[in-house]
């Protein structure tokens, strides 16, 4: 599978597999509290929640197999994201060059707080209908009752990126609505809870590449 088609599929999956997150209370991005990723918060619930999606898995000389949040347009590609437990390149078709292996797959599994744990064998993208994973509605963004200021948006973007480095890989701000868009590989329970407890309602919108299996 060519690098260009892989990047297009990655971009489509990130844009279309989306969830809106909302909460209550005042912004508290700089509270200095314990990061949920450093504790057991939400881990049990995540281990019971099964996620699924179509995205790129990549291994480079710098890291093992990871679900890619973003891929650099190079050959071989560069990038990474969330570690994958149980990955076997010999069991799937893939491309390899200069010590890097990669491919596009439908992956199914759980999140143990640090890594994505496969619960089913990955399926190469060439064996599925991509529209089943890309033809999703755009998230409905509600104008918040308390729009964020520019400083608040910057602080929230920094806070979530640093607190949840395993899953959050990008953010962008909407100064007109006063909301922050957060791009994630998946939305762990700890992230949902943290947003609900710390930020005003409807001010954070999460776009996830993997979504919970109904």
C-alpha atoms as a PDB file:
ATOM      1  CA  UNK A   1       0.000   0.000   0.000  1.00  0.00           C
ATOM      2  CA  UNK A   2       1.483   3.356  -1.013  1.00  0.00           C
ATOM      3  CA  UNK A   3       2.496   5.999   1.504  1.00  0.00           C
ATOM      4  CA  UNK A   4       0.149   8.602  -0.022  1.00  0.00           C
ATOM      5  CA  UNK A   5      -2.944   6.404   0.349  1.00  0.00           C
ATOM      6  CA  UNK A   6      -1.886   5.495   3.860  1.00  0.00           C
ATOM      7  CA  UNK A   7      -1.684   9.162   4.856  1.00  0.00           C
ATOM      8  CA  UNK A   8      -5.051   9.948   3.307  1.00  0.00           C
ATOM      9  CA  UNK A   9      -6.658   7.083   5.174  1.00  0.00           C
ATOM     10  CA  UNK A  10      -5.057   8.198   8.438  1.00  0.00           C
ATOM     11  CA  UNK A  11      -6.316  11.744   7.979  1.00  0.00           C
ATOM     12  CA  UNK A  12      -9.825  10.555   7.155  1.00  0.00           C
ATOM     13  CA  UNK A  13      -9.983   8.251  10.141  1.00  0.00           C
ATOM     14  CA  UNK A  14      -8.858  10.972  12.523  1.00  0.00           C
ATOM     15  CA  UNK A  15     -11.339  13.466  11.136  1.00  0.00           C
ATOM     16  CA  UNK A  16     -14.373  11.237  10.950  1.00  0.00           C
ATOM     17  CA  UNK A  17     -14.133   8.964  13.977  1.00  0.00           C
ATOM     18  CA  UNK A  18     -15.001  11.628  16.524  1.00  0.00           C
ATOM     19  CA  UNK A  19     -16.539  12.008  19.940  1.00  0.00           C
ATOM     20  CA  UNK A  20     -17.689  15.191  21.695  1.00  0.00           C
ATOM     21  CA  UNK A  21     -16.567  15.504  25.300  1.00  0.00           C
ATOM     22  CA  UNK A  22     -18.068  17.885  27.835  1.00  0.00           C
ATOM     23  CA  UNK A  23     -17.785  18.588  31.548  1.00  0.00           C
ATOM     24  CA  UNK A  24     -18.529  20.994  34.331  1.00  0.00           C
ATOM     25  CA  UNK A  25     -16.544  23.350  36.546  1.00  0.00           C
ATOM     26  CA  UNK A  26     -13.857  25.946  35.973  1.00  0.00           C
ATOM     27  CA  UNK A  27     -10.714  25.352  33.884  1.00  0.00           C
ATOM     28  CA  UNK A  28      -7.940  23.951  36.068  1.00  0.00           C
ATOM     29  CA  UNK A  29      -5.278  23.055  33.553  1.00  0.00           C
ATOM     30  CA  UNK A  30      -2.454  24.211  35.770  1.00  0.00           C
ATOM     31  CA  UNK A  31      -3.563  22.537  38.982  1.00  0.00           C
ATOM     32  CA  UNK A  32      -0.436  20.406  39.159  1.00  0.00           C
ATOM     33  CA  UNK A  33      -2.413  17.362  40.258  1.00  0.00           C
ATOM     34  CA  UNK A  34      -1.405  13.792  39.621  1.00  0.00           C
ATOM     35  CA  UNK A  35      -1.723  12.823  35.989  1.00  0.00           C
ATOM     36  CA  UNK A  36      -4.421  10.165  35.469  1.00  0.00           C
ATOM     37  CA  UNK A  37      -1.987   8.321  33.216  1.00  0.00           C
ATOM     38  CA  UNK A  38       0.328   7.924  36.223  1.00  0.00           C
ATOM     39  CA  UNK A  39      -2.384   6.333  38.352  1.00  0.00           C
ATOM     40  CA  UNK A  40      -4.978   3.590  38.072  1.00  0.00           C
ATOM     41  CA  UNK A  41      -7.775   6.074  37.328  1.00  0.00           C
ATOM     42  CA  UNK A  42     -10.080   4.637  34.692  1.00  0.00           C
ATOM     43  CA  UNK A  43      -7.798   1.688  33.928  1.00  0.00           C
ATOM     44  CA  UNK A  44     -10.287  -0.981  34.980  1.00  0.00           C
ATOM     45  CA  UNK A  45     -13.059   0.540  32.893  1.00  0.00           C
ATOM     46  CA  UNK A  46     -10.746   0.802  29.867  1.00  0.00           C
ATOM     47  CA  UNK A  47      -9.775  -2.842  30.139  1.00  0.00           C
ATOM     48  CA  UNK A  48     -13.454  -3.688  29.768  1.00  0.00           C
ATOM     49  CA  UNK A  49     -14.033  -1.253  26.886  1.00  0.00           C
ATOM     50  CA  UNK A  50     -13.152  -2.607  23.439  1.00  0.00           C
ATOM     51  CA  UNK A  51     -11.930  -0.139  20.803  1.00  0.00           C
ATOM     52  CA  UNK A  52     -11.799  -0.611  17.038  1.00  0.00           C
ATOM     53  CA  UNK A  53     -10.643   1.405  14.045  1.00  0.00           C
ATOM     54  CA  UNK A  54      -8.664   1.632  10.830  1.00  0.00           C
ATOM     55  CA  UNK A  55      -5.248   3.268  11.142  1.00  0.00           C
ATOM     56  CA  UNK A  56      -1.522   2.885  10.600  1.00  0.00           C
ATOM     57  CA  UNK A  57       0.741   0.684  12.703  1.00  0.00           C
ATOM     58  CA  UNK A  58       4.437   1.533  12.479  1.00  0.00           C
ATOM     59  CA  UNK A  59       7.693   0.290  14.008  1.00  0.00           C
ATOM     60  CA  UNK A  60      10.932   2.234  13.558  1.00  0.00           C
ATOM     61  CA  UNK A  61      14.508   1.808  14.819  1.00  0.00           C
ATOM     62  CA  UNK A  62      13.490   4.163  17.656  1.00  0.00           C
ATOM     63  CA  UNK A  63      10.425   2.310  18.955  1.00  0.00           C
ATOM     64  CA  UNK A  64       8.409  -0.904  18.740  1.00  0.00           C
ATOM     65  CA  UNK A  65       4.993  -1.291  17.076  1.00  0.00           C
ATOM     66  CA  UNK A  66       2.761   1.712  17.707  1.00  0.00           C
ATOM     67  CA  UNK A  67      -0.623   2.993  16.578  1.00  0.00           C
ATOM     68  CA  UNK A  68       0.287   6.135  14.674  1.00  0.00           C
ATOM     69  CA  UNK A  69      -1.279   9.396  15.713  1.00  0.00           C
ATOM     70  CA  UNK A  70       0.519  11.203  12.877  1.00  0.00           C
ATOM     71  CA  UNK A  71       2.847  10.125  10.082  1.00  0.00           C
ATOM     72  CA  UNK A  72       5.544  12.230   8.420  1.00  0.00           C
ATOM     73  CA  UNK A  73       5.419  12.299   4.618  1.00  0.00           C
ATOM     74  CA  UNK A  74       8.723  10.579   3.937  1.00  0.00           C
ATOM     75  CA  UNK A  75       9.952   7.182   2.802  1.00  0.00           C
ATOM     76  CA  UNK A  76      10.093   5.251   4.936  1.00  0.00           C
ATOM     77  CA  UNK A  77       7.433   7.126   6.917  1.00  0.00           C
ATOM     78  CA  UNK A  78       8.240   8.489  10.353  1.00  0.00           C
ATOM     79  CA  UNK A  79       5.974   8.744  13.354  1.00  0.00           C
ATOM     80  CA  UNK A  80       4.400   6.798  16.160  1.00  0.00           C
ATOM     81  CA  UNK A  81       1.947   7.017  18.984  1.00  0.00           C
ATOM     82  CA  UNK A  82       0.442   4.412  21.274  1.00  0.00           C
ATOM     83  CA  UNK A  83       2.384   1.193  21.942  1.00  0.00           C
ATOM     84  CA  UNK A  84       0.724  -2.045  20.780  1.00  0.00           C
ATOM     85  CA  UNK A  85       0.938  -5.205  22.871  1.00  0.00           C
ATOM     86  CA  UNK A  86       0.898  -8.517  21.010  1.00  0.00           C
ATOM     87  CA  UNK A  87       1.858  -7.260  17.563  1.00  0.00           C
ATOM     88  CA  UNK A  88       3.505  -9.738  15.141  1.00  0.00           C
ATOM     89  CA  UNK A  89       4.715  -8.405  11.784  1.00  0.00           C
ATOM     90  CA  UNK A  90       5.153 -11.944  10.470  1.00  0.00           C
ATOM     91  CA  UNK A  91       1.399 -12.484  10.811  1.00  0.00           C
ATOM     92  CA  UNK A  92       0.340  -9.521   8.625  1.00  0.00           C
ATOM     93  CA  UNK A  93       1.187  -8.070   5.232  1.00  0.00           C
ATOM     94  CA  UNK A  94       3.242  -4.891   5.533  1.00  0.00           C
ATOM     95  CA  UNK A  95       5.922  -2.712   4.000  1.00  0.00           C
ATOM     96  CA  UNK A  96       9.490  -2.469   5.281  1.00  0.00           C
ATOM     97  CA  UNK A  97      12.425  -0.186   4.512  1.00  0.00           C
ATOM     98  CA  UNK A  98      15.555   0.920   6.353  1.00  0.00           C
ATOM     99  CA  UNK A  99      14.560  -0.751   9.599  1.00  0.00           C
ATOM    100  CA  UNK A 100      10.994   0.589   9.543  1.00  0.00           C
ATOM    101  CA  UNK A 101       7.884  -1.581   9.120  1.00  0.00           C
ATOM    102  CA  UNK A 102       4.375  -0.236   8.616  1.00  0.00           C
ATOM    103  CA  UNK A 103       0.903  -0.881   7.249  1.00  0.00           C
ATOM    104  CA  UNK A 104      -2.770   0.035   7.550  1.00  0.00           C
ATOM    105  CA  UNK A 105      -5.028  -2.243   9.583  1.00  0.00           C
ATOM    106  CA  UNK A 106      -8.309  -2.580  11.380  1.00  0.00           C
ATOM    107  CA  UNK A 107      -7.277  -3.155  14.983  1.00  0.00           C
ATOM    108  CA  UNK A 108      -9.439  -4.260  17.894  1.00  0.00           C
ATOM    109  CA  UNK A 109      -8.417  -4.236  21.517  1.00  0.00           C
ATOM    110  CA  UNK A 110      -8.405  -2.614  24.947  1.00  0.00           C
ATOM    111  CA  UNK A 111      -6.312   0.068  26.663  1.00  0.00           C
ATOM    112  CA  UNK A 112      -4.414  -0.883  29.835  1.00  0.00           C
ATOM    113  CA  UNK A 113      -3.434   2.675  30.738  1.00  0.00           C
ATOM    114  CA  UNK A 114      -0.121   2.514  28.901  1.00  0.00           C
ATOM    115  CA  UNK A 115      -0.580   0.460  25.726  1.00  0.00           C
ATOM    116  CA  UNK A 116      -3.189  -0.870  23.297  1.00  0.00           C
ATOM    117  CA  UNK A 117      -3.728  -4.595  23.902  1.00  0.00           C
ATOM    118  CA  UNK A 118      -4.922  -6.571  20.876  1.00  0.00           C
ATOM    119  CA  UNK A 119      -7.947  -8.778  21.541  1.00  0.00           C
ATOM    120  CA  UNK A 120      -8.399  -9.870  17.917  1.00  0.00           C
ATOM    121  CA  UNK A 121      -6.052 -10.447  15.001  1.00  0.00           C
ATOM    122  CA  UNK A 122      -5.462  -7.253  12.972  1.00  0.00           C
ATOM    123  CA  UNK A 123      -7.061  -7.131   9.530  1.00  0.00           C
ATOM    124  CA  UNK A 124      -5.145  -5.488   6.649  1.00  0.00           C
ATOM    125  CA  UNK A 125      -6.943  -2.486   5.171  1.00  0.00           C
ATOM    126  CA  UNK A 126      -6.895  -4.190   1.776  1.00  0.00           C
ATOM    127  CA  UNK A 127      -9.316  -6.811   3.094  1.00  0.00           C
ATOM    128  CA  UNK A 128     -12.034  -4.452   4.357  1.00  0.00           C
ATOM    129  CA  UNK A 129     -14.323  -1.753   3.009  1.00  0.00           C
ATOM    130  CA  UNK A 130     -12.733   1.503   4.242  1.00  0.00           C
ATOM    131  CA  UNK A 131     -16.078   3.298   4.018  1.00  0.00           C
ATOM    132  CA  UNK A 132     -17.309   1.260   6.979  1.00  0.00           C
ATOM    133  CA  UNK A 133     -14.712   3.043   9.111  1.00  0.00           C
ATOM    134  CA  UNK A 134     -14.583   6.442   7.432  1.00  0.00           C
ATOM    135  CA  UNK A 135     -18.208   7.260   6.635  1.00  0.00           C
ATOM    136  CA  UNK A 136     -19.049   8.663  10.042  1.00  0.00           C
ATOM    137  CA  UNK A 137     -20.862  11.873  10.928  1.00  0.00           C
ATOM    138  CA  UNK A 138     -18.815  14.900  11.865  1.00  0.00           C
ATOM    139  CA  UNK A 139     -19.063  15.691  15.576  1.00  0.00           C
ATOM    140  CA  UNK A 140     -21.777  18.121  16.539  1.00  0.00           C
ATOM    141  CA  UNK A 141     -20.047  21.034  18.215  1.00  0.00           C
ATOM    142  CA  UNK A 142     -22.250  22.933  20.654  1.00  0.00           C
ATOM    143  CA  UNK A 143     -21.485  26.554  21.389  1.00  0.00           C
ATOM    144  CA  UNK A 144     -20.440  26.574  25.053  1.00  0.00           C
ATOM    145  CA  UNK A 145     -22.201  28.714  27.617  1.00  0.00           C
ATOM    146  CA  UNK A 146     -18.770  29.818  28.825  1.00  0.00           C
ATOM    147  CA  UNK A 147     -16.460  30.222  25.785  1.00  0.00           C
ATOM    148  CA  UNK A 148     -12.785  29.871  26.560  1.00  0.00           C
ATOM    149  CA  UNK A 149     -10.367  32.758  26.298  1.00  0.00           C
ATOM    150  CA  UNK A 150      -7.256  32.438  24.134  1.00  0.00           C
ATOM    151  CA  UNK A 151      -5.142  31.892  27.238  1.00  0.00           C
ATOM    152  CA  UNK A 152      -7.534  29.194  28.516  1.00  0.00           C
ATOM    153  CA  UNK A 153      -7.446  27.374  25.170  1.00  0.00           C
ATOM    154  CA  UNK A 154      -3.661  27.406  25.093  1.00  0.00           C
ATOM    155  CA  UNK A 155      -3.471  26.161  28.677  1.00  0.00           C
ATOM    156  CA  UNK A 156      -5.950  23.323  28.061  1.00  0.00           C
ATOM    157  CA  UNK A 157      -4.151  22.228  24.895  1.00  0.00           C
ATOM    158  CA  UNK A 158      -0.848  22.096  26.779  1.00  0.00           C
ATOM    159  CA  UNK A 159      -2.374  20.392  29.812  1.00  0.00           C
ATOM    160  CA  UNK A 160      -4.094  17.557  27.930  1.00  0.00           C
ATOM    161  CA  UNK A 161      -1.127  16.940  25.647  1.00  0.00           C
ATOM    162  CA  UNK A 162       1.222  16.624  28.622  1.00  0.00           C
ATOM    163  CA  UNK A 163      -1.140  14.651  30.896  1.00  0.00           C
ATOM    164  CA  UNK A 164      -2.182  12.101  28.286  1.00  0.00           C
ATOM    165  CA  UNK A 165       0.873  11.665  26.009  1.00  0.00           C
ATOM    166  CA  UNK A 166      -0.005   8.041  25.238  1.00  0.00           C
ATOM    167  CA  UNK A 167      -3.238   8.963  23.469  1.00  0.00           C
ATOM    168  CA  UNK A 168      -3.373  12.725  22.695  1.00  0.00           C
ATOM    169  CA  UNK A 169      -1.262  13.647  19.673  1.00  0.00           C
ATOM    170  CA  UNK A 170      -2.543  17.032  18.431  1.00  0.00           C
ATOM    171  CA  UNK A 171      -4.752  19.989  19.323  1.00  0.00           C
ATOM    172  CA  UNK A 172      -6.195  23.052  17.658  1.00  0.00           C
ATOM    173  CA  UNK A 173      -8.185  26.034  18.880  1.00  0.00           C
ATOM    174  CA  UNK A 174     -11.349  27.751  17.651  1.00  0.00           C
ATOM    175  CA  UNK A 175     -11.237  31.371  18.840  1.00  0.00           C
ATOM    176  CA  UNK A 176     -14.664  32.121  17.349  1.00  0.00           C
ATOM    177  CA  UNK A 177     -16.477  29.476  19.405  1.00  0.00           C
ATOM    178  CA  UNK A 178     -14.027  29.418  22.284  1.00  0.00           C
ATOM    179  CA  UNK A 179     -13.445  25.652  22.153  1.00  0.00           C
ATOM    180  CA  UNK A 180     -10.430  23.342  21.907  1.00  0.00           C
ATOM    181  CA  UNK A 181     -10.250  20.377  19.513  1.00  0.00           C
ATOM    182  CA  UNK A 182      -8.141  17.464  20.747  1.00  0.00           C
ATOM    183  CA  UNK A 183      -7.017  14.671  18.395  1.00  0.00           C
ATOM    184  CA  UNK A 184      -6.529  11.300  20.077  1.00  0.00           C
ATOM    185  CA  UNK A 185      -5.756   7.720  19.116  1.00  0.00           C
ATOM    186  CA  UNK A 186      -8.569   6.686  21.457  1.00  0.00           C
ATOM    187  CA  UNK A 187     -10.524   8.264  24.304  1.00  0.00           C
ATOM    188  CA  UNK A 188      -9.700   6.531  27.595  1.00  0.00           C
ATOM    189  CA  UNK A 189     -12.086   6.767  30.529  1.00  0.00           C
ATOM    190  CA  UNK A 190      -9.516   8.755  32.514  1.00  0.00           C
ATOM    191  CA  UNK A 191      -9.439  11.441  29.813  1.00  0.00           C
ATOM    192  CA  UNK A 192     -13.233  11.694  29.720  1.00  0.00           C
ATOM    193  CA  UNK A 193     -13.394  11.987  33.504  1.00  0.00           C
ATOM    194  CA  UNK A 194     -10.607  14.554  33.689  1.00  0.00           C
ATOM    195  CA  UNK A 195     -12.272  16.817  31.123  1.00  0.00           C
ATOM    196  CA  UNK A 196     -15.653  16.536  32.857  1.00  0.00           C
ATOM    197  CA  UNK A 197     -14.147  17.449  36.214  1.00  0.00           C
ATOM    198  CA  UNK A 198     -11.932  20.337  35.109  1.00  0.00           C
ATOM    199  CA  UNK A 199     -13.323  22.208  32.117  1.00  0.00           C
ATOM    200  CA  UNK A 200     -16.580  24.089  31.391  1.00  0.00           C
ATOM    201  CA  UNK A 201     -19.227  22.156  29.502  1.00  0.00           C
ATOM    202  CA  UNK A 202     -18.860  21.837  25.699  1.00  0.00           C
ATOM    203  CA  UNK A 203     -15.436  23.511  25.593  1.00  0.00           C
ATOM    204  CA  UNK A 204     -13.384  20.413  24.627  1.00  0.00           C
ATOM    205  CA  UNK A 205     -14.134  18.312  21.538  1.00  0.00           C
ATOM    206  CA  UNK A 206     -12.328  14.978  21.148  1.00  0.00           C
ATOM    207  CA  UNK A 207     -11.689  13.411  17.725  1.00  0.00           C
ATOM    208  CA  UNK A 208     -10.716   9.748  18.114  1.00  0.00           C
ATOM    209  CA  UNK A 209      -9.148   7.402  15.577  1.00  0.00           C
ATOM    210  CA  UNK A 210     -10.406   4.354  17.496  1.00  0.00           C
ATOM    211  CA  UNK A 211     -13.949   4.238  18.853  1.00  0.00           C
ATOM    212  CA  UNK A 212     -15.608   1.957  21.394  1.00  0.00           C
ATOM    213  CA  UNK A 213     -17.307  -1.103  19.923  1.00  0.00           C
ATOM    214  CA  UNK A 214     -21.042  -0.922  20.598  1.00  0.00           C
END
